[in-house]
Structures are given as structure tokens and as C-alpha cells.
Amino acid sequence: MSVNNIGGEDMRVFHAAAGLVIVLALAGCQRSFGGFGSQDISPAPAPLQAQPVPSVSSSQLPDPSTSTAQFPAAPSGAAAGAPGGTDVAAATNALDVTKESMVGSWRVSSAGSSCDMFLTLTNLGSGSRGGTRGCAGELTTMGSWEVSGKQVVLKDRNGSAIARLYKTADTRFDGSTNGGQPVSLSR
């Protein structure tokens, strides 16, 4: 008998049988896959055992003002933004600088290599947008810059200062990165 020749009662029996097969298949899936209301057959992992903790010791730190032999020498550059070493002379003899005079392309010399720097007046955070091409070290992260008094501050993409420069001639700026590397800009 073909499906086209099945009568109304036979069609109901066919649907009931198909539904029963589907229900039985799903009931089997519930047991094998941990379905609704069934217990998980896999055993629970064993709890972790407590481990001994080494003892903690404490002592008084030495007074840093009495002996400096245990500390490394201070860097000579402008680490953390304070002028030091050769930057002191640049800061005290620095020429006045305006933001507008900084805009454009600059040639950068740092750590024995050269690269390009581009400065714009487009606002970016607290500074203006800028960037480098072909630079190495800290200068690769430059994203903005600003003029603060007689100082030009180069910043990374997060807005943190990475270098500080002072105008030493009409088209020249000298300073250093936070890591102490000397930096010069010229046109």
C-alpha cells in the first residue's frame, strides 16, 4: 500500500506510531546524556587536599638615607620627567616654543638611529595627535604630544609621557626618553 492510498484511520495509526518512536528515542537520549531529572552517572572529582604553607618572615627594611650602596645609581637622563644630567642644561637654556611652530615633519635622532616624526594640531586627549615612522624603542609608541612651558612632551597612545625635549636652536630640540636615551629633533 502506498502513502497516497492510506485512509484517515490508517493515517492516525501511522502518526501515533511515528510519535511513539520519537518519544522512545528521546527517552533513551535522556538516560544516556543525563537528561531532566536523571542522576549524573560520572563520578564527582575528588576534593583537593590541603597543602602546607611555608612560614612568612618579616624584618625591618634598612633606612635608605644611611647607605646607598644597595641601590643602583640614578639615571643621568630625564627619567620620570624630572630633568637630570644633560637635560638640566637644556632646560635652563631652553628657548621659548609655541605649539604652532612644532607642527609638521621632523627628523629624529635617538640611540644612534634616525626616523621621522609628524606633529599635528588635531586634539587627542590632553595633547595633539602625532606619530613616528621607522623609530625604535620608546618612540615607536608615540601617539600624541604637547607643549608645557618651554618643554615639548611626547606621549604614548595611553597619554603617558615617553620623552621630554627643549628647544636649543631655531629648528632643533634636544632631550631624552624616560629610559634615558638622548633624543634630538631637527628640520
N, C-alpha and C. Protein backbone atom coordinates (compact mmCIF):
# COMPACT_ATOMS: atom_id res chain seq x y z
N MET A 1 0.84 -1.16 0.00
CA MET A 1 0.00 0.00 0.00
C MET A 1 0.90 1.23 0.00
N SER A 2 0.57 2.22 -0.79
CA SER A 2 1.36 3.44 -0.87
C SER A 2 0.81 4.47 0.09
N VAL A 3 1.60 5.49 0.35
CA VAL A 3 1.21 6.54 1.28
C VAL A 3 -0.01 7.28 0.76
N ASN A 4 -0.14 7.39 -0.54
CA ASN A 4 -1.28 8.10 -1.13
C ASN A 4 -2.58 7.35 -0.91
N ASN A 5 -2.50 6.03 -0.70
CA ASN A 5 -3.71 5.21 -0.55
C ASN A 5 -4.09 4.98 0.90
N ILE A 6 -3.40 5.58 1.83
CA ILE A 6 -3.70 5.38 3.24
C ILE A 6 -4.95 6.18 3.57
N GLY A 7 -5.89 5.54 4.28
CA GLY A 7 -7.12 6.20 4.67
C GLY A 7 -6.93 7.00 5.93
N GLY A 8 -7.99 7.65 6.44
CA GLY A 8 -7.94 8.50 7.62
C GLY A 8 -7.54 7.76 8.86
N GLU A 9 -8.13 6.54 9.09
CA GLU A 9 -7.79 5.78 10.30
C GLU A 9 -6.37 5.27 10.23
N ASP A 10 -5.96 4.82 9.06
CA ASP A 10 -4.59 4.33 8.90
C ASP A 10 -3.57 5.47 9.10
N MET A 11 -3.95 6.67 8.68
CA MET A 11 -3.06 7.82 8.85
C MET A 11 -2.88 8.15 10.33
N ARG A 12 -3.95 8.01 11.13
CA ARG A 12 -3.84 8.26 12.56
C ARG A 12 -2.93 7.23 13.22
N VAL A 13 -3.03 5.99 12.83
CA VAL A 13 -2.17 4.93 13.37
C VAL A 13 -0.73 5.21 12.99
N PHE A 14 -0.51 5.63 11.75
CA PHE A 14 0.83 5.94 11.29
C PHE A 14 1.44 7.08 12.10
N HIS A 15 0.68 8.16 12.33
CA HIS A 15 1.17 9.28 13.13
C HIS A 15 1.42 8.88 14.57
N ALA A 16 0.56 8.07 15.14
CA ALA A 16 0.73 7.61 16.52
C ALA A 16 1.99 6.77 16.64
N ALA A 17 2.23 5.91 15.68
CA ALA A 17 3.43 5.05 15.71
C ALA A 17 4.69 5.90 15.56
N ALA A 18 4.64 6.87 14.65
CA ALA A 18 5.82 7.75 14.47
C ALA A 18 6.07 8.55 15.73
N GLY A 19 5.03 9.07 16.35
CA GLY A 19 5.19 9.82 17.60
C GLY A 19 5.75 8.95 18.70
N LEU A 20 5.30 7.68 18.80
CA LEU A 20 5.80 6.76 19.82
C LEU A 20 7.29 6.49 19.61
N VAL A 21 7.71 6.32 18.37
CA VAL A 21 9.13 6.10 18.07
C VAL A 21 9.96 7.31 18.50
N ILE A 22 9.47 8.50 18.23
CA ILE A 22 10.21 9.73 18.61
C ILE A 22 10.30 9.84 20.12
N VAL A 23 9.19 9.57 20.86
CA VAL A 23 9.20 9.65 22.32
C VAL A 23 10.17 8.64 22.91
N LEU A 24 10.19 7.42 22.40
CA LEU A 24 11.12 6.40 22.90
C LEU A 24 12.57 6.79 22.61
N ALA A 25 12.82 7.38 21.45
CA ALA A 25 14.19 7.82 21.12
C ALA A 25 14.65 8.91 22.07
N LEU A 26 13.76 9.87 22.34
CA LEU A 26 14.13 10.94 23.27
C LEU A 26 14.30 10.42 24.69
N ALA A 27 13.50 9.45 25.10
CA ALA A 27 13.65 8.87 26.44
C ALA A 27 15.00 8.18 26.56
N GLY A 28 15.45 7.54 25.51
CA GLY A 28 16.77 6.91 25.53
C GLY A 28 17.88 7.93 25.61
N CYS A 29 17.69 9.07 24.93
CA CYS A 29 18.69 10.15 24.98
C CYS A 29 18.79 10.73 26.38
N GLN A 30 17.65 10.79 27.07
CA GLN A 30 17.68 11.36 28.42
C GLN A 30 18.53 10.51 29.34
N ARG A 31 18.43 9.21 29.22
CA ARG A 31 19.20 8.32 30.11
C ARG A 31 20.69 8.37 29.78
N SER A 32 21.02 8.37 28.49
CA SER A 32 22.43 8.30 28.13
C SER A 32 23.14 9.65 28.25
N PHE A 33 22.42 10.78 28.19
CA PHE A 33 23.04 12.09 28.27
C PHE A 33 22.71 12.84 29.56
N GLY A 34 22.15 12.17 30.53
CA GLY A 34 21.85 12.84 31.80
C GLY A 34 20.78 13.89 31.62
N GLY A 35 19.62 13.48 31.07
CA GLY A 35 18.53 14.42 30.80
C GLY A 35 17.86 14.89 32.08
N PHE A 36 16.68 15.48 31.93
CA PHE A 36 15.95 16.08 33.04
C PHE A 36 15.66 15.06 34.12
N GLY A 37 15.96 15.38 35.35
CA GLY A 37 15.62 14.54 36.50
C GLY A 37 16.48 13.32 36.66
N SER A 38 17.42 13.07 35.78
CA SER A 38 18.23 11.86 35.92
C SER A 38 19.49 12.18 36.72
N GLN A 39 20.07 11.16 37.29
CA GLN A 39 21.31 11.30 38.05
C GLN A 39 22.49 11.31 37.10
N ASP A 40 23.50 12.12 37.42
CA ASP A 40 24.72 12.14 36.63
C ASP A 40 25.49 10.88 36.94
N ILE A 41 25.84 10.11 35.93
CA ILE A 41 26.49 8.83 36.13
C ILE A 41 27.97 8.99 36.42
N SER A 42 28.63 10.03 35.91
CA SER A 42 30.07 10.20 36.10
C SER A 42 30.37 10.58 37.56
N PRO A 43 31.47 10.05 38.10
CA PRO A 43 31.81 10.37 39.49
C PRO A 43 32.31 11.81 39.62
N ALA A 44 32.04 12.41 40.77
CA ALA A 44 32.50 13.77 41.05
C ALA A 44 34.00 13.75 41.27
N PRO A 45 34.70 14.81 40.89
CA PRO A 45 36.14 14.84 41.14
C PRO A 45 36.42 14.87 42.65
N ALA A 46 37.55 14.29 43.00
CA ALA A 46 37.93 14.25 44.42
C ALA A 46 38.28 15.65 44.90
N PRO A 47 37.92 16.01 46.13
CA PRO A 47 38.27 17.33 46.65
C PRO A 47 39.77 17.48 46.78
N LEU A 48 40.25 18.71 46.65
CA LEU A 48 41.68 18.99 46.78
C LEU A 48 42.11 18.86 48.24
N GLN A 49 43.29 18.33 48.41
CA GLN A 49 43.85 18.17 49.75
C GLN A 49 44.56 19.45 50.16
N ALA A 50 44.49 19.79 51.42
CA ALA A 50 45.18 20.97 51.94
C ALA A 50 46.69 20.78 51.82
N GLN A 51 47.38 21.86 51.50
CA GLN A 51 48.84 21.81 51.36
C GLN A 51 49.47 22.68 52.43
N PRO A 52 50.65 22.30 52.89
CA PRO A 52 51.32 23.14 53.90
C PRO A 52 51.75 24.48 53.30
N VAL A 53 51.70 25.52 54.10
CA VAL A 53 52.09 26.86 53.68
C VAL A 53 53.44 27.17 54.32
N PRO A 54 54.42 27.65 53.52
CA PRO A 54 55.70 27.99 54.13
C PRO A 54 55.54 29.16 55.10
N SER A 55 56.41 29.20 56.05
CA SER A 55 56.31 30.26 57.05
C SER A 55 56.66 31.62 56.44
N VAL A 56 56.08 32.67 56.97
CA VAL A 56 56.31 34.03 56.50
C VAL A 56 57.23 34.71 57.50
N SER A 57 58.25 35.36 56.97
CA SER A 57 59.17 36.06 57.87
C SER A 57 59.08 37.56 57.61
N SER A 58 59.43 38.33 58.58
CA SER A 58 59.42 39.77 58.41
C SER A 58 60.65 40.36 59.10
N SER A 59 61.06 41.51 58.59
CA SER A 59 62.18 42.22 59.20
C SER A 59 62.06 43.69 58.82
N GLN A 60 62.80 44.53 59.49
CA GLN A 60 62.77 45.97 59.23
C GLN A 60 63.64 46.27 58.02
N LEU A 61 63.12 47.08 57.09
CA LEU A 61 63.90 47.49 55.94
C LEU A 61 64.96 48.50 56.37
N PRO A 62 66.14 48.50 55.71
CA PRO A 62 67.17 49.47 56.09
C PRO A 62 66.74 50.88 55.70
N ASP A 63 67.23 51.84 56.44
CA ASP A 63 66.95 53.24 56.17
C ASP A 63 67.68 53.65 54.89
N PRO A 64 66.97 54.07 53.83
CA PRO A 64 67.64 54.40 52.56
C PRO A 64 68.53 55.62 52.64
N SER A 65 68.37 56.46 53.66
CA SER A 65 69.19 57.67 53.75
C SER A 65 70.56 57.40 54.36
N THR A 66 70.76 56.23 54.96
CA THR A 66 72.04 55.96 55.61
C THR A 66 73.04 55.29 54.68
N SER A 67 72.60 54.35 53.86
CA SER A 67 73.53 53.65 52.98
C SER A 67 72.92 53.52 51.60
N THR A 68 73.63 54.02 50.60
CA THR A 68 73.12 53.92 49.24
C THR A 68 73.84 52.85 48.44
N ALA A 69 74.71 52.06 49.07
CA ALA A 69 75.46 51.03 48.36
C ALA A 69 74.54 49.95 47.81
N GLN A 70 73.39 49.74 48.43
CA GLN A 70 72.48 48.67 47.99
C GLN A 70 71.58 49.10 46.83
N PHE A 71 71.59 50.38 46.47
CA PHE A 71 70.73 50.88 45.42
C PHE A 71 71.53 51.16 44.16
N PRO A 72 70.93 50.96 42.96
CA PRO A 72 71.65 51.29 41.72
C PRO A 72 71.78 52.80 41.56
N ALA A 73 72.73 53.21 40.75
CA ALA A 73 72.95 54.64 40.51
C ALA A 73 71.75 55.23 39.78
N ALA A 74 71.43 56.47 40.07
CA ALA A 74 70.32 57.16 39.42
C ALA A 74 70.67 57.41 37.96
N PRO A 75 69.69 57.31 37.05
CA PRO A 75 69.98 57.57 35.64
C PRO A 75 70.31 59.04 35.42
N SER A 76 71.12 59.30 34.39
CA SER A 76 71.52 60.68 34.13
C SER A 76 70.54 61.43 33.25
N GLY A 77 69.58 60.71 32.62
CA GLY A 77 68.58 61.35 31.75
C GLY A 77 67.41 61.86 32.54
N ALA A 78 66.33 62.18 31.84
CA ALA A 78 65.13 62.73 32.47
C ALA A 78 64.14 61.63 32.79
N ALA A 79 64.55 60.64 33.56
CA ALA A 79 63.64 59.56 33.91
C ALA A 79 62.53 60.12 34.77
N ALA A 80 61.34 59.61 34.55
CA ALA A 80 60.13 60.02 35.28
C ALA A 80 59.84 61.51 35.15
N GLY A 81 60.42 62.14 34.15
CA GLY A 81 60.05 63.52 33.86
C GLY A 81 60.83 64.60 34.56
N ALA A 82 61.68 64.27 35.49
CA ALA A 82 62.47 65.30 36.16
C ALA A 82 63.74 65.53 35.38
N PRO A 83 64.06 66.75 35.04
CA PRO A 83 65.29 66.98 34.30
C PRO A 83 66.51 66.56 35.12
N GLY A 84 67.42 65.89 34.47
CA GLY A 84 68.64 65.45 35.16
C GLY A 84 69.77 65.35 34.17
N GLY A 85 70.99 65.38 34.62
CA GLY A 85 72.15 65.24 33.75
C GLY A 85 72.20 66.34 32.71
N THR A 86 72.30 65.94 31.42
CA THR A 86 72.40 66.91 30.33
C THR A 86 71.10 67.66 30.11
N ASP A 87 69.97 67.13 30.58
CA ASP A 87 68.68 67.82 30.42
C ASP A 87 68.59 69.07 31.28
N VAL A 88 69.36 69.15 32.36
CA VAL A 88 69.34 70.33 33.22
C VAL A 88 69.83 71.54 32.43
N ALA A 89 70.91 71.38 31.68
CA ALA A 89 71.44 72.47 30.87
C ALA A 89 70.46 72.85 29.77
N ALA A 90 69.83 71.84 29.14
CA ALA A 90 68.86 72.12 28.08
C ALA A 90 67.65 72.85 28.65
N ALA A 91 67.21 72.47 29.83
CA ALA A 91 66.04 73.09 30.45
C ALA A 91 66.33 74.53 30.85
N THR A 92 67.50 74.79 31.40
CA THR A 92 67.80 76.15 31.86
C THR A 92 68.10 77.09 30.70
N ASN A 93 68.63 76.58 29.59
CA ASN A 93 68.95 77.41 28.43
C ASN A 93 67.91 77.29 27.32
N ALA A 94 66.77 76.67 27.60
CA ALA A 94 65.76 76.42 26.57
C ALA A 94 65.17 77.71 26.03
N LEU A 95 64.90 77.70 24.74
CA LEU A 95 64.25 78.83 24.07
C LEU A 95 62.74 78.65 24.17
N ASP A 96 62.01 79.75 24.00
CA ASP A 96 60.55 79.67 24.02
C ASP A 96 60.06 78.85 22.83
N VAL A 97 58.98 78.12 23.05
CA VAL A 97 58.41 77.29 21.99
C VAL A 97 56.89 77.46 21.97
N THR A 98 56.34 77.49 20.77
CA THR A 98 54.88 77.54 20.62
C THR A 98 54.42 76.25 19.95
N LYS A 99 53.20 75.91 20.21
CA LYS A 99 52.63 74.68 19.64
C LYS A 99 52.59 74.77 18.11
N GLU A 100 52.24 75.94 17.59
CA GLU A 100 52.14 76.11 16.15
C GLU A 100 53.48 75.93 15.44
N SER A 101 54.58 76.31 16.11
CA SER A 101 55.90 76.16 15.49
C SER A 101 56.36 74.70 15.43
N MET A 102 55.69 73.84 16.18
CA MET A 102 56.08 72.42 16.21
C MET A 102 55.42 71.60 15.10
N VAL A 103 54.33 72.09 14.55
CA VAL A 103 53.55 71.32 13.58
C VAL A 103 54.37 71.00 12.34
N GLY A 104 54.24 69.77 11.86
CA GLY A 104 54.92 69.37 10.64
C GLY A 104 55.79 68.15 10.83
N SER A 105 56.70 67.97 9.88
CA SER A 105 57.58 66.80 9.85
C SER A 105 58.92 67.13 10.49
N TRP A 106 59.44 66.19 11.29
CA TRP A 106 60.73 66.35 11.96
C TRP A 106 61.58 65.12 11.72
N ARG A 107 62.88 65.31 11.70
CA ARG A 107 63.84 64.20 11.63
C ARG A 107 64.28 63.94 13.06
N VAL A 108 64.21 62.68 13.49
CA VAL A 108 64.53 62.31 14.86
C VAL A 108 65.83 61.51 14.89
N SER A 109 66.71 61.86 15.82
CA SER A 109 67.92 61.07 16.09
C SER A 109 67.82 60.58 17.52
N SER A 110 67.91 59.26 17.68
CA SER A 110 67.83 58.68 19.02
C SER A 110 68.56 57.35 19.04
N ALA A 111 69.41 57.19 20.02
CA ALA A 111 70.16 55.94 20.21
C ALA A 111 70.92 55.53 18.95
N GLY A 112 71.49 56.50 18.24
CA GLY A 112 72.32 56.21 17.08
C GLY A 112 71.55 55.91 15.81
N SER A 113 70.23 56.03 15.81
CA SER A 113 69.46 55.79 14.59
C SER A 113 68.58 57.00 14.28
N SER A 114 68.05 57.04 13.05
CA SER A 114 67.21 58.15 12.62
C SER A 114 65.84 57.64 12.22
N CYS A 115 64.83 58.50 12.37
CA CYS A 115 63.47 58.17 11.96
C CYS A 115 62.71 59.47 11.74
N ASP A 116 61.44 59.37 11.38
CA ASP A 116 60.62 60.54 11.12
C ASP A 116 59.53 60.70 12.17
N MET A 117 59.18 61.96 12.47
CA MET A 117 58.10 62.27 13.40
C MET A 117 57.20 63.30 12.74
N PHE A 118 55.88 63.12 12.91
CA PHE A 118 54.89 64.02 12.35
C PHE A 118 54.01 64.56 13.46
N LEU A 119 53.90 65.87 13.57
CA LEU A 119 53.12 66.51 14.63
C LEU A 119 51.99 67.33 14.01
N THR A 120 50.77 67.19 14.55
CA THR A 120 49.62 67.93 14.05
C THR A 120 48.99 68.71 15.19
N LEU A 121 48.00 69.53 14.87
CA LEU A 121 47.25 70.26 15.90
C LEU A 121 45.92 69.59 16.22
N THR A 122 45.67 68.41 15.66
CA THR A 122 44.44 67.68 15.92
C THR A 122 44.44 67.21 17.37
N ASN A 123 43.39 67.55 18.12
CA ASN A 123 43.31 67.18 19.54
C ASN A 123 43.24 65.66 19.72
N LEU A 124 43.97 65.19 20.71
CA LEU A 124 43.94 63.78 21.11
C LEU A 124 44.17 63.75 22.61
N GLY A 125 43.11 63.57 23.38
CA GLY A 125 43.23 63.60 24.83
C GLY A 125 43.65 64.98 25.29
N SER A 126 44.68 65.03 26.14
CA SER A 126 45.15 66.31 26.64
C SER A 126 46.20 66.93 25.73
N GLY A 127 46.58 66.24 24.66
CA GLY A 127 47.59 66.75 23.75
C GLY A 127 47.09 66.83 22.33
N SER A 128 48.03 66.80 21.39
CA SER A 128 47.71 66.82 19.97
C SER A 128 48.26 65.56 19.33
N ARG A 129 47.61 65.14 18.26
CA ARG A 129 47.99 63.89 17.59
C ARG A 129 49.39 64.01 16.98
N GLY A 130 50.13 62.92 17.06
CA GLY A 130 51.46 62.86 16.48
C GLY A 130 51.85 61.41 16.30
N GLY A 131 52.92 61.16 15.58
CA GLY A 131 53.36 59.79 15.38
C GLY A 131 54.75 59.73 14.81
N THR A 132 55.29 58.52 14.79
CA THR A 132 56.63 58.29 14.26
C THR A 132 56.58 57.23 13.18
N ARG A 133 57.64 57.22 12.34
CA ARG A 133 57.79 56.19 11.32
C ARG A 133 59.26 55.78 11.29
N GLY A 134 59.50 54.49 11.45
CA GLY A 134 60.86 53.97 11.38
C GLY A 134 61.66 54.13 12.66
N CYS A 135 61.02 54.54 13.75
CA CYS A 135 61.73 54.72 15.02
C CYS A 135 61.85 53.39 15.77
N ALA A 136 62.73 53.37 16.75
CA ALA A 136 62.93 52.19 17.59
C ALA A 136 62.71 52.58 19.05
N GLY A 137 62.55 51.59 19.89
CA GLY A 137 62.44 51.83 21.33
C GLY A 137 61.14 52.51 21.72
N GLU A 138 61.22 53.35 22.74
CA GLU A 138 60.03 54.02 23.28
C GLU A 138 59.31 54.89 22.27
N LEU A 139 60.03 55.44 21.31
CA LEU A 139 59.41 56.35 20.34
C LEU A 139 58.43 55.65 19.42
N THR A 140 58.46 54.32 19.31
CA THR A 140 57.51 53.59 18.47
C THR A 140 56.09 53.69 19.03
N THR A 141 55.96 53.98 20.32
CA THR A 141 54.64 54.04 20.96
C THR A 141 54.03 55.44 20.94
N MET A 142 54.73 56.41 20.34
CA MET A 142 54.24 57.80 20.37
C MET A 142 52.89 57.94 19.67
N GLY A 143 51.97 58.63 20.32
CA GLY A 143 50.66 58.87 19.75
C GLY A 143 50.21 60.31 19.85
N SER A 144 50.83 61.07 20.79
CA SER A 144 50.45 62.48 20.95
C SER A 144 51.61 63.27 21.53
N TRP A 145 51.42 64.59 21.62
CA TRP A 145 52.45 65.49 22.14
C TRP A 145 51.78 66.74 22.68
N GLU A 146 52.52 67.49 23.49
CA GLU A 146 52.02 68.77 23.97
C GLU A 146 53.18 69.66 24.38
N VAL A 147 52.92 70.97 24.41
CA VAL A 147 53.91 71.94 24.87
C VAL A 147 53.53 72.32 26.29
N SER A 148 54.50 72.23 27.19
CA SER A 148 54.29 72.59 28.59
C SER A 148 55.40 73.55 28.99
N GLY A 149 55.11 74.85 28.96
CA GLY A 149 56.15 75.86 29.23
C GLY A 149 57.14 75.86 28.09
N LYS A 150 58.41 75.64 28.40
CA LYS A 150 59.46 75.57 27.38
C LYS A 150 59.78 74.13 27.01
N GLN A 151 58.94 73.22 27.42
CA GLN A 151 59.18 71.79 27.24
C GLN A 151 58.17 71.20 26.26
N VAL A 152 58.64 70.32 25.38
CA VAL A 152 57.77 69.55 24.50
C VAL A 152 57.73 68.13 25.06
N VAL A 153 56.53 67.66 25.35
CA VAL A 153 56.36 66.33 25.95
C VAL A 153 55.77 65.40 24.90
N LEU A 154 56.48 64.31 24.60
CA LEU A 154 55.98 63.28 23.69
C LEU A 154 55.29 62.23 24.54
N LYS A 155 54.11 61.77 24.10
CA LYS A 155 53.32 60.82 24.89
C LYS A 155 53.01 59.56 24.09
N ASP A 156 52.80 58.46 24.81
CA ASP A 156 52.40 57.23 24.15
C ASP A 156 50.90 57.27 23.86
N ARG A 157 50.36 56.20 23.32
CA ARG A 157 48.95 56.15 22.93
C ARG A 157 48.01 56.17 24.13
N ASN A 158 48.53 55.92 25.32
CA ASN A 158 47.72 55.98 26.54
C ASN A 158 47.79 57.34 27.22
N GLY A 159 48.59 58.25 26.68
CA GLY A 159 48.71 59.59 27.25
C GLY A 159 49.83 59.74 28.28
N SER A 160 50.65 58.70 28.46
CA SER A 160 51.78 58.78 29.39
C SER A 160 53.01 59.35 28.69
N ALA A 161 53.74 60.22 29.39
CA ALA A 161 54.94 60.84 28.81
C ALA A 161 56.01 59.79 28.53
N ILE A 162 56.60 59.86 27.33
CA ILE A 162 57.69 58.93 26.99
C ILE A 162 58.99 59.67 26.74
N ALA A 163 58.93 60.99 26.47
CA ALA A 163 60.15 61.78 26.24
C ALA A 163 59.84 63.25 26.48
N ARG A 164 60.89 64.00 26.84
CA ARG A 164 60.77 65.44 27.08
C ARG A 164 61.91 66.12 26.33
N LEU A 165 61.55 67.19 25.60
CA LEU A 165 62.52 67.89 24.77
C LEU A 165 62.47 69.39 25.03
N TYR A 166 63.60 70.08 24.77
CA TYR A 166 63.70 71.53 24.93
C TYR A 166 64.27 72.12 23.67
N LYS A 167 63.79 73.31 23.30
CA LYS A 167 64.27 73.98 22.10
C LYS A 167 65.66 74.54 22.36
N THR A 168 66.65 74.08 21.56
CA THR A 168 68.03 74.51 21.74
C THR A 168 68.51 75.40 20.59
N ALA A 169 67.75 75.43 19.48
CA ALA A 169 68.05 76.29 18.34
C ALA A 169 66.75 76.51 17.57
N ASP A 170 66.78 77.34 16.52
CA ASP A 170 65.55 77.64 15.79
C ASP A 170 64.84 76.39 15.29
N THR A 171 65.59 75.43 14.79
CA THR A 171 64.97 74.22 14.24
C THR A 171 65.52 72.96 14.90
N ARG A 172 65.81 73.03 16.19
CA ARG A 172 66.38 71.87 16.88
C ARG A 172 65.85 71.79 18.31
N PHE A 173 65.52 70.55 18.72
CA PHE A 173 65.08 70.25 20.08
C PHE A 173 65.91 69.09 20.59
N ASP A 174 66.33 69.17 21.86
CA ASP A 174 67.12 68.10 22.47
C ASP A 174 66.48 67.70 23.80
N GLY A 175 66.59 66.42 24.14
CA GLY A 175 66.06 65.92 25.40
C GLY A 175 66.35 64.44 25.52
N SER A 176 65.50 63.73 26.25
CA SER A 176 65.71 62.30 26.41
C SER A 176 64.38 61.59 26.66
N THR A 177 64.40 60.28 26.43
CA THR A 177 63.23 59.45 26.71
C THR A 177 63.21 59.14 28.20
N ASN A 178 62.11 58.57 28.66
CA ASN A 178 62.05 58.18 30.07
C ASN A 178 63.09 57.12 30.41
N GLY A 179 63.50 56.34 29.41
CA GLY A 179 64.53 55.33 29.62
C GLY A 179 65.93 55.90 29.61
N GLY A 180 66.07 57.22 29.41
CA GLY A 180 67.40 57.87 29.44
C GLY A 180 68.08 57.98 28.10
N GLN A 181 67.47 57.55 27.00
CA GLN A 181 68.08 57.65 25.67
C GLN A 181 67.99 59.11 25.19
N PRO A 182 69.09 59.69 24.71
CA PRO A 182 69.04 61.04 24.17
C PRO A 182 68.19 61.08 22.89
N VAL A 183 67.44 62.17 22.72
CA VAL A 183 66.58 62.37 21.54
C VAL A 183 66.81 63.76 21.01
N SER A 184 66.93 63.90 19.70
CA SER A 184 67.04 65.22 19.05
C SER A 184 66.08 65.29 17.89
N LEU A 185 65.38 66.42 17.78
CA LEU A 185 64.51 66.68 16.63
C LEU A 185 65.14 67.80 15.83
N SER A 186 65.10 67.69 14.51
CA SER A 186 65.62 68.77 13.67
C SER A 186 64.85 68.78 12.36
N ARG A 187 64.92 69.96 11.66
CA ARG A 187 64.28 70.06 10.33
C ARG A 187 65.34 70.33 9.30
